[in-house]
Amino acid sequence: MKLLNIQISTRIIVVFCALLAVKLAGAADPDVESLRGISSLYVLVENLRHADELRGLTVQDIRRDVELRLRMAGIKVLTEEEMLSTMSPYLYVNVIVVPSRDRPGLVVFAISCELKQMVTVTRDSSITTMAATWDTGEAGLVGSDNTDRIRNHINDLVDEFINAYLSVNPKK
């Protein structure tokens, strides 16, 4: 029975990574033009799942890292209140971490980084909604005691956003 559980757990991890890879493959060519003219944004970091199993990886740490990188690039970071009052765009960072059942000490991670902003539906201009207009992501496998690698992957994705942003909003 234990062998069956290990095989099922491994299959779940493989399927999880394969599905994420398919999703991320579609995100390989984000719409950089949708970033033009954005002067400020909010950072929303999704709550971590299984965070209690990881040392050194918290929502607060990720938010601090992301906001610092944006500020260093000259991008104004808004508070939640400022974003809600102006309906400004926000950078959404979602990190999913799943401990491996068949390989203790390893975790599968998936990171998604999306710029969400108000958009208008072309078939009916009275319909507006928040939608991702730029996105990227990554998935992998790391040791549960090596969360710095996950943070480095998050930082790399934020740098990818910053580079895309600066390509259409050069510093003055």
C-alpha atoms as a PDB file:
ATOM      1  CA  MET A   1       0.000   0.000   0.000  1.00  0.00           C
ATOM      2  CA  LYS A   2       2.875   2.416   0.791  1.00  0.00           C
ATOM      3  CA  LEU A   3       4.320   1.912  -2.699  1.00  0.00           C
ATOM      4  CA  LEU A   4       0.935   2.784  -4.208  1.00  0.00           C
ATOM      5  CA  ASN A   5       0.759   6.002  -2.125  1.00  0.00           C
ATOM      6  CA  ILE A   6       4.258   6.994  -3.251  1.00  0.00           C
ATOM      7  CA  GLN A   7       3.379   6.414  -6.895  1.00  0.00           C
ATOM      8  CA  ILE A   8       0.136   8.375  -6.579  1.00  0.00           C
ATOM      9  CA  SER A   9       1.895  11.246  -4.784  1.00  0.00           C
ATOM     10  CA  THR A  10       4.607  11.382  -7.443  1.00  0.00           C
ATOM     11  CA  ARG A  11       1.981  11.356 -10.200  1.00  0.00           C
ATOM     12  CA  ILE A  12       0.110  14.216  -8.544  1.00  0.00           C
ATOM     13  CA  ILE A  13       3.302  16.286  -8.403  1.00  0.00           C
ATOM     14  CA  VAL A  14       4.143  15.488 -12.040  1.00  0.00           C
ATOM     15  CA  VAL A  15       0.603  16.358 -13.193  1.00  0.00           C
ATOM     16  CA  PHE A  16       0.676  19.564 -11.112  1.00  0.00           C
ATOM     17  CA  CYS A  17       3.959  20.647 -12.722  1.00  0.00           C
ATOM     18  CA  ALA A  18       2.771  19.656 -16.216  1.00  0.00           C
ATOM     19  CA  LEU A  19      -0.457  21.648 -15.873  1.00  0.00           C
ATOM     20  CA  LEU A  20       1.442  24.659 -14.599  1.00  0.00           C
ATOM     21  CA  ALA A  21       3.940  24.370 -17.447  1.00  0.00           C
ATOM     22  CA  VAL A  22       1.074  24.428 -19.962  1.00  0.00           C
ATOM     23  CA  LYS A  23      -0.397  27.520 -18.270  1.00  0.00           C
ATOM     24  CA  LEU A  24       2.987  29.236 -18.143  1.00  0.00           C
ATOM     25  CA  ALA A  25       3.758  28.401 -21.766  1.00  0.00           C
ATOM     26  CA  GLY A  26       0.752  30.528 -22.711  1.00  0.00           C
ATOM     27  CA  ALA A  27       2.153  33.342 -20.573  1.00  0.00           C
ATOM     28  CA  ALA A  28       5.485  33.451 -22.375  1.00  0.00           C
ATOM     29  CA  ASP A  29       4.492  36.476 -24.502  1.00  0.00           C
ATOM     30  CA  PRO A  30       2.863  38.948 -22.114  1.00  0.00           C
ATOM     31  CA  ASP A  31       1.280  42.132 -23.427  1.00  0.00           C
ATOM     32  CA  VAL A  32       3.905  44.690 -22.508  1.00  0.00           C
ATOM     33  CA  GLU A  33       1.930  47.520 -24.120  1.00  0.00           C
ATOM     34  CA  SER A  34      -0.734  47.114 -21.436  1.00  0.00           C
ATOM     35  CA  LEU A  35       1.842  48.437 -18.958  1.00  0.00           C
ATOM     36  CA  ARG A  36       2.316  51.746 -20.782  1.00  0.00           C
ATOM     37  CA  GLY A  37       1.255  54.783 -18.748  1.00  0.00           C
ATOM     38  CA  ILE A  38       0.912  53.036 -15.397  1.00  0.00           C
ATOM     39  CA  SER A  39       2.401  55.397 -12.831  1.00  0.00           C
ATOM     40  CA  SER A  40       1.779  53.449  -9.619  1.00  0.00           C
ATOM     41  CA  LEU A  41       0.488  50.128  -8.396  1.00  0.00           C
ATOM     42  CA  TYR A  42      -0.373  48.078  -5.344  1.00  0.00           C
ATOM     43  CA  VAL A  43       1.232  44.750  -4.412  1.00  0.00           C
ATOM     44  CA  LEU A  44      -1.083  41.885  -3.469  1.00  0.00           C
ATOM     45  CA  VAL A  45       0.578  38.708  -2.221  1.00  0.00           C
ATOM     46  CA  GLU A  46      -1.696  35.700  -1.899  1.00  0.00           C
ATOM     47  CA  ASN A  47      -1.654  33.798   1.391  1.00  0.00           C
ATOM     48  CA  LEU A  48       0.810  30.929   1.322  1.00  0.00           C
ATOM     49  CA  ARG A  49      -0.442  27.393   1.631  1.00  0.00           C
ATOM     50  CA  HIS A  50       1.617  24.988   3.738  1.00  0.00           C
ATOM     51  CA  ALA A  51       3.665  27.979   4.907  1.00  0.00           C
ATOM     52  CA  ASP A  52       3.983  26.407   8.329  1.00  0.00           C
ATOM     53  CA  GLU A  53       6.166  23.756   6.694  1.00  0.00           C
ATOM     54  CA  LEU A  54       8.658  26.289   5.372  1.00  0.00           C
ATOM     55  CA  ARG A  55      11.157  28.362   7.240  1.00  0.00           C
ATOM     56  CA  GLY A  56      11.804  31.903   6.115  1.00  0.00           C
ATOM     57  CA  LEU A  57       9.003  32.235   3.575  1.00  0.00           C
ATOM     58  CA  THR A  58       6.167  34.489   4.694  1.00  0.00           C
ATOM     59  CA  VAL A  59       3.671  36.752   2.948  1.00  0.00           C
ATOM     60  CA  GLN A  60       5.243  39.721   4.727  1.00  0.00           C
ATOM     61  CA  ASP A  61       8.750  38.826   3.496  1.00  0.00           C
ATOM     62  CA  ILE A  62       7.553  38.375  -0.073  1.00  0.00           C
ATOM     63  CA  ARG A  63       5.595  41.660  -0.017  1.00  0.00           C
ATOM     64  CA  ARG A  64       8.591  43.524   1.406  1.00  0.00           C
ATOM     65  CA  ASP A  65      10.912  42.040  -1.248  1.00  0.00           C
ATOM     66  CA  VAL A  66       8.528  42.883  -4.110  1.00  0.00           C
ATOM     67  CA  GLU A  67       7.771  46.415  -2.917  1.00  0.00           C
ATOM     68  CA  LEU A  68      11.468  47.163  -2.392  1.00  0.00           C
ATOM     69  CA  ARG A  69      12.348  45.992  -5.908  1.00  0.00           C
ATOM     70  CA  LEU A  70       9.562  48.114  -7.404  1.00  0.00           C
ATOM     71  CA  ARG A  71      10.596  51.216  -5.457  1.00  0.00           C
ATOM     72  CA  MET A  72      14.251  50.730  -6.423  1.00  0.00           C
ATOM     73  CA  ALA A  73      13.109  50.674 -10.068  1.00  0.00           C
ATOM     74  CA  GLY A  74      11.270  53.989  -9.564  1.00  0.00           C
ATOM     75  CA  ILE A  75       7.765  52.510  -9.524  1.00  0.00           C
ATOM     76  CA  LYS A  76       5.462  54.088  -6.935  1.00  0.00           C
ATOM     77  CA  VAL A  77       3.890  51.514  -4.615  1.00  0.00           C
ATOM     78  CA  LEU A  78       0.409  52.280  -3.305  1.00  0.00           C
ATOM     79  CA  THR A  79      -1.241  51.346  -0.035  1.00  0.00           C
ATOM     80  CA  GLU A  80      -4.358  49.188  -0.192  1.00  0.00           C
ATOM     81  CA  GLU A  81      -6.521  52.218   0.591  1.00  0.00           C
ATOM     82  CA  GLU A  82      -4.950  54.239  -2.231  1.00  0.00           C
ATOM     83  CA  MET A  83      -5.457  51.381  -4.681  1.00  0.00           C
ATOM     84  CA  LEU A  84      -9.111  50.888  -3.711  1.00  0.00           C
ATOM     85  CA  SER A  85      -9.930  54.585  -3.879  1.00  0.00           C
ATOM     86  CA  THR A  86      -8.421  54.973  -7.359  1.00  0.00           C
ATOM     87  CA  MET A  87      -8.956  51.428  -8.716  1.00  0.00           C
ATOM     88  CA  SER A  88      -5.285  51.458  -9.664  1.00  0.00           C
ATOM     89  CA  PRO A  89      -3.555  48.403 -11.115  1.00  0.00           C
ATOM     90  CA  TYR A  90      -1.961  45.874  -8.800  1.00  0.00           C
ATOM     91  CA  LEU A  91       0.810  43.328  -9.040  1.00  0.00           C
ATOM     92  CA  TYR A  92      -0.568  39.984  -7.893  1.00  0.00           C
ATOM     93  CA  VAL A  93       1.977  37.459  -6.607  1.00  0.00           C
ATOM     94  CA  ASN A  94       0.735  33.961  -5.865  1.00  0.00           C
ATOM     95  CA  VAL A  95       3.044  31.311  -4.428  1.00  0.00           C
ATOM     96  CA  ILE A  96       1.817  27.749  -4.040  1.00  0.00           C
ATOM     97  CA  VAL A  97       3.995  25.343  -2.106  1.00  0.00           C
ATOM     98  CA  VAL A  98       3.111  21.658  -1.813  1.00  0.00           C
ATOM     99  CA  PRO A  99       5.220  19.352   0.370  1.00  0.00           C
ATOM    100  CA  SER A 100       6.199  16.119  -1.314  1.00  0.00           C
ATOM    101  CA  ARG A 101       4.736  13.105   0.468  1.00  0.00           C
ATOM    102  CA  ASP A 102       7.045  10.600  -1.166  1.00  0.00           C
ATOM    103  CA  ARG A 103      10.223  12.663  -0.874  1.00  0.00           C
ATOM    104  CA  PRO A 104      10.412  14.136   2.616  1.00  0.00           C
ATOM    105  CA  GLY A 105      12.270  17.399   2.758  1.00  0.00           C
ATOM    106  CA  LEU A 106      11.281  18.480  -0.766  1.00  0.00           C
ATOM    107  CA  VAL A 107       8.530  20.860  -1.839  1.00  0.00           C
ATOM    108  CA  VAL A 108       6.987  21.590  -5.219  1.00  0.00           C
ATOM    109  CA  PHE A 109       6.420  25.294  -5.802  1.00  0.00           C
ATOM    110  CA  ALA A 110       4.517  27.337  -8.375  1.00  0.00           C
ATOM    111  CA  ILE A 111       4.790  31.107  -8.630  1.00  0.00           C
ATOM    112  CA  SER A 112       2.525  33.373 -10.633  1.00  0.00           C
ATOM    113  CA  CYS A 113       3.163  37.099 -11.091  1.00  0.00           C
ATOM    114  CA  GLU A 114       0.382  39.087 -12.797  1.00  0.00           C
ATOM    115  CA  LEU A 115      -0.377  42.730 -13.394  1.00  0.00           C
ATOM    116  CA  LYS A 116      -4.122  43.196 -12.953  1.00  0.00           C
ATOM    117  CA  GLN A 117      -5.941  46.323 -14.004  1.00  0.00           C
ATOM    118  CA  MET A 118      -9.362  47.618 -14.979  1.00  0.00           C
ATOM    119  CA  VAL A 119     -10.321  46.624 -18.509  1.00  0.00           C
ATOM    120  CA  THR A 120     -13.368  47.252 -20.669  1.00  0.00           C
ATOM    121  CA  VAL A 121     -15.083  44.514 -22.653  1.00  0.00           C
ATOM    122  CA  THR A 122     -15.058  45.539 -26.326  1.00  0.00           C
ATOM    123  CA  ARG A 123     -18.415  43.953 -27.177  1.00  0.00           C
ATOM    124  CA  ASP A 124     -20.087  46.008 -24.426  1.00  0.00           C
ATOM    125  CA  SER A 125     -18.186  49.050 -23.175  1.00  0.00           C
ATOM    126  CA  SER A 126     -20.463  49.307 -20.142  1.00  0.00           C
ATOM    127  CA  ILE A 127     -18.758  46.185 -18.745  1.00  0.00           C
ATOM    128  CA  THR A 128     -15.515  46.780 -16.887  1.00  0.00           C
ATOM    129  CA  THR A 129     -13.609  44.359 -14.694  1.00  0.00           C
ATOM    130  CA  MET A 130     -10.178  43.692 -13.226  1.00  0.00           C
ATOM    131  CA  ALA A 131      -8.160  41.349 -15.422  1.00  0.00           C
ATOM    132  CA  ALA A 132      -4.576  40.201 -15.789  1.00  0.00           C
ATOM    133  CA  THR A 133      -3.011  42.027 -18.736  1.00  0.00           C
ATOM    134  CA  TRP A 134       0.550  40.808 -18.146  1.00  0.00           C
ATOM    135  CA  ASP A 135       1.731  37.638 -16.462  1.00  0.00           C
ATOM    136  CA  THR A 136       4.603  35.261 -15.985  1.00  0.00           C
ATOM    137  CA  GLY A 137       5.371  32.354 -13.711  1.00  0.00           C
ATOM    138  CA  GLU A 138       7.589  29.488 -12.790  1.00  0.00           C
ATOM    139  CA  ALA A 139       7.447  26.093 -11.097  1.00  0.00           C
ATOM    140  CA  GLY A 140      10.046  23.845  -9.552  1.00  0.00           C
ATOM    141  CA  LEU A 141      11.178  21.548  -6.780  1.00  0.00           C
ATOM    142  CA  VAL A 142      13.401  22.607  -3.852  1.00  0.00           C
ATOM    143  CA  GLY A 143      14.375  21.433  -0.404  1.00  0.00           C
ATOM    144  CA  SER A 144      11.986  22.629   2.292  1.00  0.00           C
ATOM    145  CA  ASP A 145      14.940  24.095   4.186  1.00  0.00           C
ATOM    146  CA  ASN A 146      16.034  26.108   1.138  1.00  0.00           C
ATOM    147  CA  THR A 147      13.262  28.685   0.861  1.00  0.00           C
ATOM    148  CA  ASP A 148      15.767  31.326  -0.241  1.00  0.00           C
ATOM    149  CA  ARG A 149      15.678  29.658  -3.661  1.00  0.00           C
ATOM    150  CA  ILE A 150      11.915  30.216  -3.859  1.00  0.00           C
ATOM    151  CA  ARG A 151      12.372  33.851  -2.840  1.00  0.00           C
ATOM    152  CA  ASN A 152      15.054  34.187  -5.540  1.00  0.00           C
ATOM    153  CA  HIS A 153      12.620  32.819  -8.143  1.00  0.00           C
ATOM    154  CA  ILE A 154       9.981  35.331  -6.990  1.00  0.00           C
ATOM    155  CA  ASN A 155      12.523  38.153  -7.261  1.00  0.00           C
ATOM    156  CA  ASP A 156      13.481  37.006 -10.779  1.00  0.00           C
ATOM    157  CA  LEU A 157       9.827  37.144 -11.868  1.00  0.00           C
ATOM    158  CA  VAL A 158       9.380  40.601 -10.337  1.00  0.00           C
ATOM    159  CA  ASP A 159      12.528  41.715 -12.180  1.00  0.00           C
ATOM    160  CA  GLU A 160      10.961  40.366 -15.385  1.00  0.00           C
ATOM    161  CA  PHE A 161       7.916  42.549 -14.677  1.00  0.00           C
ATOM    162  CA  ILE A 162      10.107  45.570 -13.924  1.00  0.00           C
ATOM    163  CA  ASN A 163      12.026  45.120 -17.187  1.00  0.00           C
ATOM    164  CA  ALA A 164       8.772  44.864 -19.156  1.00  0.00           C
ATOM    165  CA  TYR A 165       7.382  47.909 -17.325  1.00  0.00           C
ATOM    166  CA  LEU A 166      10.514  49.989 -17.946  1.00  0.00           C
ATOM    167  CA  SER A 167      10.571  49.011 -21.620  1.00  0.00           C
ATOM    168  CA  VAL A 168       7.371  51.042 -22.148  1.00  0.00           C
ATOM    169  CA  ASN A 169       7.768  53.487 -19.229  1.00  0.00           C
ATOM    170  CA  PRO A 170      11.413  54.553 -19.321  1.00  0.00           C
ATOM    171  CA  LYS A 171      12.812  56.457 -16.343  1.00  0.00           C
ATOM    172  CA  LYS A 172      12.835  60.199 -16.883  1.00  0.00           C
END
